[in-house]
Amino acid sequence: MKKFFQLIYLILFLTLNFSCVEKKTSEKEFSKSKFVSTSMSDTLKFISGIRVIFQDSKGNYWLGSHEEGVSRFNGKAFEYFTTSEGLSDNQIRSIQEDKNGTIWFGTASGVSSYDARLQEGQGRRITNHTLFVNEFSPNNWIKIADDLWFNAGNNAGVYRYDGQKINYLVFPAPGNANPDNRYSTTSIAEGKNDVLWFGTYPAVFGFNGHQFAEVITDETLGLNEETGQLHVRSVFEDSKGRLWIGNNGIGVLLKEQDSIINFSEQYNLIHPASIRSGAKSPAGTLEHVFAIEEDADGNIWFGDRDTGAWKYDGTTMTNYVIDKKLKSQMIWSIYTDNDNNLLFGMAEGGVYMFNGKSFDLLF
């Protein structure tokens, strides 16, 4: 009988002990989960436009928003960075990676970088490189291997990172330039023969590494208020060396060698009643182009502010609605990732992937 009671006591002791251990473990796991949820989430929380999509060499996706900073998706969760973590501004306009794996952000107010080598608790991972505009030095206008180029916020020019320091570079003002024009950079694209294309609101500058090889303006194109004027929002040079210029009002211009045409006009995608400015455009038009990209098959894609996505296969134009549930079909960005998936960043904060026929919500 005594052994029986000893056995019962032992069973009760072990049961209570395991219960306490299980309770402590649960409390610890809950605390950890609560901590993670304050800085990470399993769904993208952005509701403002996705201005930039970038996939780094490790496969992480970086999403730059219009007003809410940047998010990194590591395949499992989204982590968020804002001015509170050191960003120059919460509006992200470009994302790049240097040869050391550092991620660089061009913002509306300066340049910031993310050091992926630092882990939590080892120091500040984001550095703010915001610059004050200094006196222009023409000796700084030179292109070298592995340098990075950024918009300079609302300043007329660009920032160049040469691997050691950031320089502020001013564009040469075209002759008879309107003093009201703002030559702040809206888009940067790399072309063949080491040419860099800088899109600004009233002009496109072509820089060959040591001098400006070409400057495209209203004057060089013969544009005026009646025909509509440049308001450049995107530039892109494709694999054939053609330069595409997306405008907010006059659609797409196409430059092939020494010839420049209004591509939207050629395909009857400018509405007859269009005032060729920032006014809203009806369906079936391509007048407000904020993003241009080439897919793995050589098709050229355009992201329009009002009418969604357009694909040019070399002969025909096809218009796509990204998602009928969206209030706005505006496309801020188009990006080809490391696996040649074509991704679209929307004004409402989502990212969609083209599946060959339609679009799937990715983030």
Protein backbone atom coordinates (compact mmCIF):
# COMPACT_ATOMS: atom_id res chain seq x y z
CA MET A 1 0.00 0.00 0.00
CA LYS A 2 2.88 2.37 0.91
CA LYS A 3 4.50 1.76 -2.50
CA PHE A 4 1.16 2.51 -4.17
CA PHE A 5 0.92 5.97 -2.52
CA GLN A 6 4.58 6.65 -3.37
CA LEU A 7 3.82 5.88 -7.01
CA ILE A 8 0.75 8.19 -7.01
CA TYR A 9 2.83 10.99 -5.44
CA LEU A 10 5.56 10.54 -8.08
CA ILE A 11 3.04 10.72 -10.92
CA LEU A 12 1.46 13.90 -9.48
CA PHE A 13 4.89 15.51 -8.99
CA LEU A 14 5.98 14.79 -12.56
CA THR A 15 2.65 16.02 -13.96
CA LEU A 16 2.86 19.33 -12.09
CA ASN A 17 6.51 19.77 -13.05
CA PHE A 18 5.86 19.23 -16.76
CA SER A 19 2.87 21.58 -16.54
CA CYS A 20 5.04 24.35 -15.15
CA VAL A 21 7.71 23.79 -17.79
CA GLU A 22 5.09 23.90 -20.54
CA LYS A 23 3.60 27.10 -19.13
CA LYS A 24 7.01 28.81 -18.91
CA THR A 25 7.82 27.77 -22.48
CA SER A 26 4.51 29.11 -23.77
CA GLU A 27 5.04 32.44 -22.02
CA LYS A 28 8.53 32.72 -23.51
CA GLU A 29 7.30 31.92 -27.02
CA PHE A 30 4.46 34.43 -26.72
CA SER A 31 6.88 37.17 -25.64
CA LYS A 32 9.16 36.43 -28.58
CA SER A 33 6.22 36.42 -30.99
CA LYS A 34 4.99 39.73 -29.61
CA PHE A 35 8.45 41.28 -30.02
CA VAL A 36 8.78 40.14 -33.64
CA SER A 37 5.38 41.46 -34.63
CA THR A 38 6.33 45.02 -33.70
CA SER A 39 8.95 45.20 -36.47
CA MET A 40 7.95 42.44 -38.87
CA SER A 41 4.76 41.09 -40.44
CA ASP A 42 3.79 38.23 -42.72
CA THR A 43 1.86 40.53 -45.09
CA LEU A 44 2.92 43.79 -46.68
CA LYS A 45 1.52 46.71 -44.69
CA PHE A 46 2.16 49.51 -47.21
CA ILE A 47 -0.88 51.39 -48.51
CA SER A 48 0.98 54.11 -50.40
CA GLY A 49 2.49 53.45 -53.82
CA ILE A 50 5.33 50.99 -54.42
CA ARG A 51 7.76 53.30 -56.23
CA VAL A 52 10.65 50.82 -56.32
CA ILE A 53 11.05 47.04 -56.42
CA PHE A 54 14.50 45.48 -56.05
CA GLN A 55 15.81 41.96 -55.39
CA ASP A 56 19.29 41.74 -53.91
CA SER A 57 22.00 39.15 -54.51
CA LYS A 58 20.75 37.06 -51.58
CA GLY A 59 17.21 36.90 -52.94
CA ASN A 60 15.65 39.40 -50.54
CA TYR A 61 13.01 41.70 -52.00
CA TRP A 62 13.21 45.39 -51.12
CA LEU A 63 10.08 47.49 -51.64
CA GLY A 64 10.32 51.27 -51.57
CA SER A 65 7.11 53.12 -50.83
CA HIS A 66 5.77 56.56 -51.70
CA GLU A 67 5.33 57.67 -48.09
CA GLU A 68 6.07 54.81 -45.65
CA GLY A 69 9.76 54.00 -46.02
CA VAL A 70 11.14 50.69 -47.22
CA SER A 71 10.38 47.04 -46.49
CA ARG A 72 12.58 43.96 -46.86
CA PHE A 73 11.00 40.55 -47.51
CA ASN A 74 13.30 37.62 -46.68
CA GLY A 75 10.94 34.94 -47.98
CA LYS A 76 9.08 34.60 -44.68
CA ALA A 77 8.34 38.04 -43.26
CA PHE A 78 8.47 41.76 -44.02
CA GLU A 79 10.76 44.04 -42.04
CA TYR A 80 10.24 47.81 -42.13
CA PHE A 81 12.59 50.79 -42.07
CA THR A 82 11.64 54.46 -41.86
CA THR A 83 13.19 57.76 -40.79
CA SER A 84 12.99 56.41 -37.24
CA GLU A 85 15.64 53.83 -38.20
CA GLY A 86 17.78 56.43 -39.98
CA LEU A 87 16.39 56.80 -43.51
CA SER A 88 16.82 60.25 -45.05
CA ASP A 89 13.15 60.32 -46.03
CA ASN A 90 10.17 57.94 -46.13
CA GLN A 91 9.70 58.44 -49.89
CA ILE A 92 11.96 55.91 -51.66
CA ARG A 93 12.87 56.62 -55.28
CA SER A 94 15.61 54.06 -56.01
CA ILE A 95 17.25 50.98 -54.46
CA GLN A 96 20.65 49.55 -55.46
CA GLU A 97 23.27 47.13 -54.15
CA ASP A 98 27.02 47.77 -54.24
CA LYS A 99 29.79 45.21 -54.72
CA ASN A 100 30.07 44.73 -50.93
CA GLY A 101 26.40 43.82 -50.53
CA THR A 102 25.42 47.16 -48.99
CA ILE A 103 21.93 48.28 -50.01
CA TRP A 104 21.55 51.94 -51.04
CA PHE A 105 18.37 54.02 -51.07
CA GLY A 106 17.76 57.17 -53.03
CA THR A 107 15.07 59.10 -51.17
CA ALA A 108 13.25 62.37 -51.67
CA SER A 109 15.69 64.09 -49.30
CA GLY A 110 19.04 62.33 -49.70
CA VAL A 111 20.84 58.99 -49.77
CA SER A 112 20.83 56.26 -47.13
CA SER A 113 22.54 52.87 -46.94
CA TYR A 114 21.82 49.58 -45.17
CA ASP A 115 24.73 47.47 -43.93
CA ALA A 116 23.55 43.87 -44.09
CA ARG A 117 26.69 42.67 -42.30
CA LEU A 118 25.52 44.15 -39.01
CA GLN A 119 23.06 42.08 -37.02
CA GLU A 120 20.49 43.22 -34.47
CA GLY A 121 22.21 44.79 -31.47
CA GLN A 122 25.58 45.30 -33.22
CA GLY A 123 25.03 48.93 -34.13
CA ARG A 124 23.00 51.15 -36.40
CA ARG A 125 22.42 49.34 -39.67
CA ILE A 126 21.12 52.35 -41.64
CA THR A 127 23.36 55.34 -42.31
CA ASN A 128 22.01 58.67 -43.52
CA HIS A 129 24.22 60.23 -46.19
CA THR A 130 22.10 63.34 -46.70
CA LEU A 131 24.18 66.08 -48.29
CA PHE A 132 24.01 69.82 -48.43
CA VAL A 133 24.39 71.24 -51.92
CA ASN A 134 27.99 72.40 -52.35
CA GLU A 135 29.65 74.41 -55.05
CA PHE A 136 29.68 72.51 -58.35
CA SER A 137 33.00 71.04 -59.51
CA PRO A 138 33.17 69.85 -63.15
CA ASN A 139 35.95 67.43 -62.21
CA ASN A 140 33.39 65.29 -60.41
CA TRP A 141 31.54 64.50 -63.66
CA ILE A 142 33.14 61.18 -64.50
CA LYS A 143 31.82 57.64 -64.70
CA ILE A 144 33.83 54.82 -63.10
CA ALA A 145 33.26 51.11 -62.61
CA ASP A 146 30.83 50.12 -59.85
CA ASP A 147 29.77 53.68 -59.02
CA LEU A 148 26.16 54.35 -58.02
CA TRP A 149 23.92 57.20 -59.15
CA PHE A 150 20.96 58.70 -57.29
CA ASN A 151 18.44 61.46 -57.74
CA ALA A 152 19.28 64.56 -55.70
CA GLY A 153 15.83 65.10 -54.25
CA ASN A 154 14.41 68.33 -55.60
CA ASN A 155 17.86 69.68 -56.44
CA ALA A 156 18.81 70.07 -60.11
CA GLY A 157 21.24 67.21 -60.62
CA VAL A 158 22.31 63.86 -59.22
CA TYR A 159 24.39 62.28 -56.47
CA ARG A 160 27.22 59.93 -57.45
CA TYR A 161 28.78 57.46 -55.01
CA ASP A 162 32.28 56.48 -56.15
CA GLY A 163 32.86 53.82 -53.50
CA GLN A 164 34.25 56.25 -50.94
CA LYS A 165 32.25 59.47 -50.96
CA ILE A 166 29.14 61.00 -52.47
CA ASN A 167 29.42 63.93 -54.87
CA TYR A 168 26.66 66.30 -55.92
CA LEU A 169 26.67 66.94 -59.68
CA VAL A 170 24.72 69.66 -61.50
CA PHE A 171 23.39 69.20 -65.03
CA PRO A 172 24.49 71.74 -67.64
CA ALA A 173 21.49 74.03 -68.20
CA PRO A 174 20.44 73.91 -71.87
CA GLY A 175 20.67 77.15 -73.85
CA ASN A 176 17.68 79.49 -73.46
CA ALA A 177 16.44 77.34 -70.59
CA ASN A 178 13.26 78.45 -68.90
CA PRO A 179 14.28 79.65 -65.41
CA ASP A 180 11.10 78.05 -64.03
CA ASN A 181 12.18 74.56 -65.16
CA ARG A 182 13.30 72.19 -62.41
CA TYR A 183 16.04 69.84 -63.61
CA SER A 184 15.54 67.46 -60.70
CA THR A 185 16.02 63.83 -61.68
CA THR A 186 12.95 61.67 -62.14
CA SER A 187 14.59 58.57 -63.65
CA ILE A 188 18.05 57.10 -64.34
CA ALA A 189 18.76 54.34 -66.88
CA GLU A 190 21.89 52.58 -68.07
CA GLY A 191 22.40 52.13 -71.79
CA LYS A 192 24.87 50.58 -74.19
CA ASN A 193 28.43 51.86 -74.50
CA ASP A 194 28.41 52.97 -70.84
CA VAL A 195 25.90 55.73 -71.53
CA LEU A 196 23.77 56.93 -68.63
CA TRP A 197 20.40 58.55 -69.28
CA PHE A 198 19.05 61.05 -66.77
CA GLY A 199 15.39 61.97 -67.07
CA THR A 200 14.38 65.31 -65.58
CA TYR A 201 11.01 67.03 -65.83
CA PRO A 202 11.93 69.28 -68.83
CA ALA A 203 14.87 67.38 -70.40
CA VAL A 204 16.73 64.09 -70.88
CA PHE A 205 20.53 64.13 -70.53
CA GLY A 206 22.77 61.47 -72.10
CA PHE A 207 26.17 61.15 -70.38
CA ASN A 208 28.85 58.94 -71.95
CA GLY A 209 31.20 58.85 -68.99
CA HIS A 210 33.09 62.06 -69.49
CA GLN A 211 30.77 64.45 -71.33
CA PHE A 212 27.11 64.99 -72.19
CA ALA A 213 26.64 63.34 -75.57
CA GLU A 214 23.03 64.40 -75.97
CA VAL A 215 20.46 66.71 -74.42
CA ILE A 216 16.80 66.25 -75.39
CA THR A 217 14.56 69.24 -74.69
CA ASP A 218 11.31 70.80 -75.92
CA GLU A 219 13.41 72.98 -78.19
CA THR A 220 15.29 70.09 -79.81
CA LEU A 221 12.00 68.24 -80.33
CA GLY A 222 10.06 71.25 -81.59
CA LEU A 223 7.49 70.95 -78.80
CA ASN A 224 5.38 73.81 -77.49
CA GLU A 225 2.29 74.41 -75.34
CA GLU A 226 -0.07 73.44 -78.16
CA THR A 227 1.63 70.17 -79.03
CA GLY A 228 2.40 69.35 -75.40
CA GLN A 229 5.74 69.59 -73.66
CA LEU A 230 8.14 67.26 -71.93
CA HIS A 231 7.26 66.17 -68.41
CA VAL A 232 9.56 63.17 -68.13
CA ARG A 233 8.76 60.54 -65.50
CA SER A 234 10.67 57.50 -66.83
CA VAL A 235 13.53 56.65 -69.19
CA PHE A 236 14.64 53.20 -70.34
CA GLU A 237 17.07 51.88 -72.96
CA ASP A 238 16.14 48.40 -74.21
CA SER A 239 18.32 45.52 -75.40
CA LYS A 240 18.21 46.89 -78.97
CA GLY A 241 19.56 50.26 -77.92
CA ARG A 242 16.25 52.09 -78.31
CA LEU A 243 15.55 54.83 -75.80
CA TRP A 244 12.03 55.05 -74.41
CA ILE A 245 10.92 58.24 -72.67
CA GLY A 246 7.74 58.16 -70.59
CA ASN A 247 5.98 61.47 -70.01
CA ASN A 248 3.15 62.73 -67.83
CA GLY A 249 0.90 64.16 -70.54
CA ILE A 250 2.34 63.41 -73.99
CA GLY A 251 2.82 59.67 -73.60
CA VAL A 252 5.86 57.75 -74.80
CA LEU A 253 8.63 59.08 -77.01
CA LEU A 254 10.85 56.60 -78.85
CA LYS A 255 14.41 57.42 -79.88
CA GLU A 256 16.09 55.14 -82.42
CA GLN A 257 19.53 56.37 -83.46
CA ASP A 258 18.96 59.99 -84.58
CA SER A 259 15.17 59.74 -84.94
CA ILE A 260 12.65 60.58 -82.20
CA ILE A 261 8.92 59.97 -82.62
CA ASN A 262 5.88 60.16 -80.36
CA PHE A 263 5.21 56.44 -79.98
CA SER A 264 1.82 56.98 -78.30
CA GLU A 265 0.66 59.14 -81.21
CA GLN A 266 1.82 56.55 -83.74
CA TYR A 267 -0.41 53.93 -82.11
CA ASN A 268 -3.36 56.36 -81.70
CA LEU A 269 -3.04 56.25 -77.92
CA ILE A 270 -3.37 60.00 -77.41
CA HIS A 271 -7.03 60.99 -77.06
CA PRO A 272 -8.15 63.53 -79.72
CA ALA A 273 -9.43 65.86 -76.98
CA SER A 274 -6.35 65.48 -74.78
CA ILE A 275 -4.87 68.74 -73.51
CA ARG A 276 -1.54 66.87 -73.19
CA SER A 277 -0.93 67.77 -69.58
CA GLY A 278 -1.49 66.12 -66.21
CA ALA A 279 -5.28 65.86 -66.62
CA LYS A 280 -6.83 62.41 -66.17
CA SER A 281 -7.00 60.34 -69.35
CA PRO A 282 -9.74 57.92 -70.47
CA ALA A 283 -9.39 54.19 -71.07
CA GLY A 284 -7.48 53.15 -74.17
CA THR A 285 -4.85 55.86 -73.91
CA LEU A 286 -1.15 55.86 -73.05
CA GLU A 287 -0.49 59.44 -71.95
CA HIS A 288 0.94 59.26 -68.42
CA VAL A 289 3.80 56.76 -68.30
CA PHE A 290 5.63 56.42 -64.98
CA ALA A 291 7.39 53.07 -65.57
CA ILE A 292 9.02 51.21 -68.49
CA GLU A 293 10.64 47.74 -68.49
CA GLU A 294 11.66 44.97 -70.89
CA ASP A 295 10.75 41.35 -70.11
CA ALA A 296 12.79 38.21 -70.79
CA ASP A 297 11.13 37.80 -74.21
CA GLY A 298 12.00 41.30 -75.39
CA ASN A 299 8.52 42.77 -74.92
CA ILE A 300 8.44 46.38 -73.75
CA TRP A 301 6.05 47.15 -70.89
CA PHE A 302 4.63 50.52 -69.91
CA GLY A 303 2.98 51.45 -66.61
CA ASP A 304 0.39 54.17 -67.04
CA ARG A 305 -1.02 56.39 -64.32
CA ASP A 306 -4.63 56.01 -65.48
CA THR A 307 -4.92 52.96 -67.75
CA GLY A 308 -2.79 50.21 -66.21
CA ALA A 309 -0.23 48.08 -68.06
CA TRP A 310 0.62 48.04 -71.76
CA LYS A 311 2.75 45.46 -73.60
CA TYR A 312 4.47 46.12 -76.92
CA ASP A 313 5.63 42.94 -78.68
CA GLY A 314 7.26 44.76 -81.58
CA THR A 315 4.08 44.96 -83.61
CA THR A 316 0.98 45.32 -81.47
CA MET A 317 0.03 47.00 -78.21
CA THR A 318 -1.97 45.11 -75.58
CA ASN A 319 -3.62 46.77 -72.60
CA TYR A 320 -4.06 44.94 -69.27
CA VAL A 321 -6.06 45.73 -66.16
CA ILE A 322 -3.94 44.65 -63.20
CA ASP A 323 -6.81 44.05 -60.76
CA LYS A 324 -10.42 45.17 -61.18
CA LYS A 325 -10.76 45.38 -57.40
CA LEU A 326 -8.23 48.21 -57.18
CA LYS A 327 -9.53 51.75 -57.00
CA SER A 328 -6.56 52.91 -59.10
CA GLN A 329 -4.76 51.07 -61.90
CA MET A 330 -1.77 53.41 -61.56
CA ILE A 331 1.59 51.63 -61.86
CA TRP A 332 4.54 53.24 -60.11
CA SER A 333 7.17 50.65 -61.03
CA ILE A 334 7.86 47.60 -63.20
CA TYR A 335 10.73 45.26 -62.34
CA THR A 336 12.23 42.00 -63.61
CA ASP A 337 13.49 39.92 -60.67
CA ASN A 338 16.33 37.38 -60.50
CA ASP A 339 14.07 34.63 -61.91
CA ASN A 340 12.78 36.83 -64.76
CA ASN A 341 9.42 37.31 -63.09
CA LEU A 342 7.79 40.58 -64.14
CA LEU A 343 6.57 42.53 -61.10
CA PHE A 344 4.33 45.60 -60.93
CA GLY A 345 4.28 48.08 -58.04
CA MET A 346 0.88 49.69 -57.63
CA ALA A 347 -0.29 53.05 -56.31
CA GLU A 348 -2.33 51.33 -53.59
CA GLY A 349 0.70 49.57 -52.13
CA GLY A 350 0.55 46.07 -53.60
CA VAL A 351 2.94 44.14 -55.86
CA TYR A 352 1.58 41.95 -58.67
CA MET A 353 3.32 39.33 -60.82
CA PHE A 354 2.45 38.65 -64.46
CA ASN A 355 1.71 34.94 -64.97
CA GLY A 356 1.68 35.05 -68.79
CA LYS A 357 -2.00 35.93 -69.10
CA SER A 358 -3.06 37.87 -66.03
CA PHE A 359 -1.70 39.20 -62.75
CA ASP A 360 -1.38 37.52 -59.36
CA LEU A 361 -1.03 39.46 -56.11
CA LEU A 362 2.47 38.65 -54.87
CA PHE A 363 2.78 41.02 -51.89
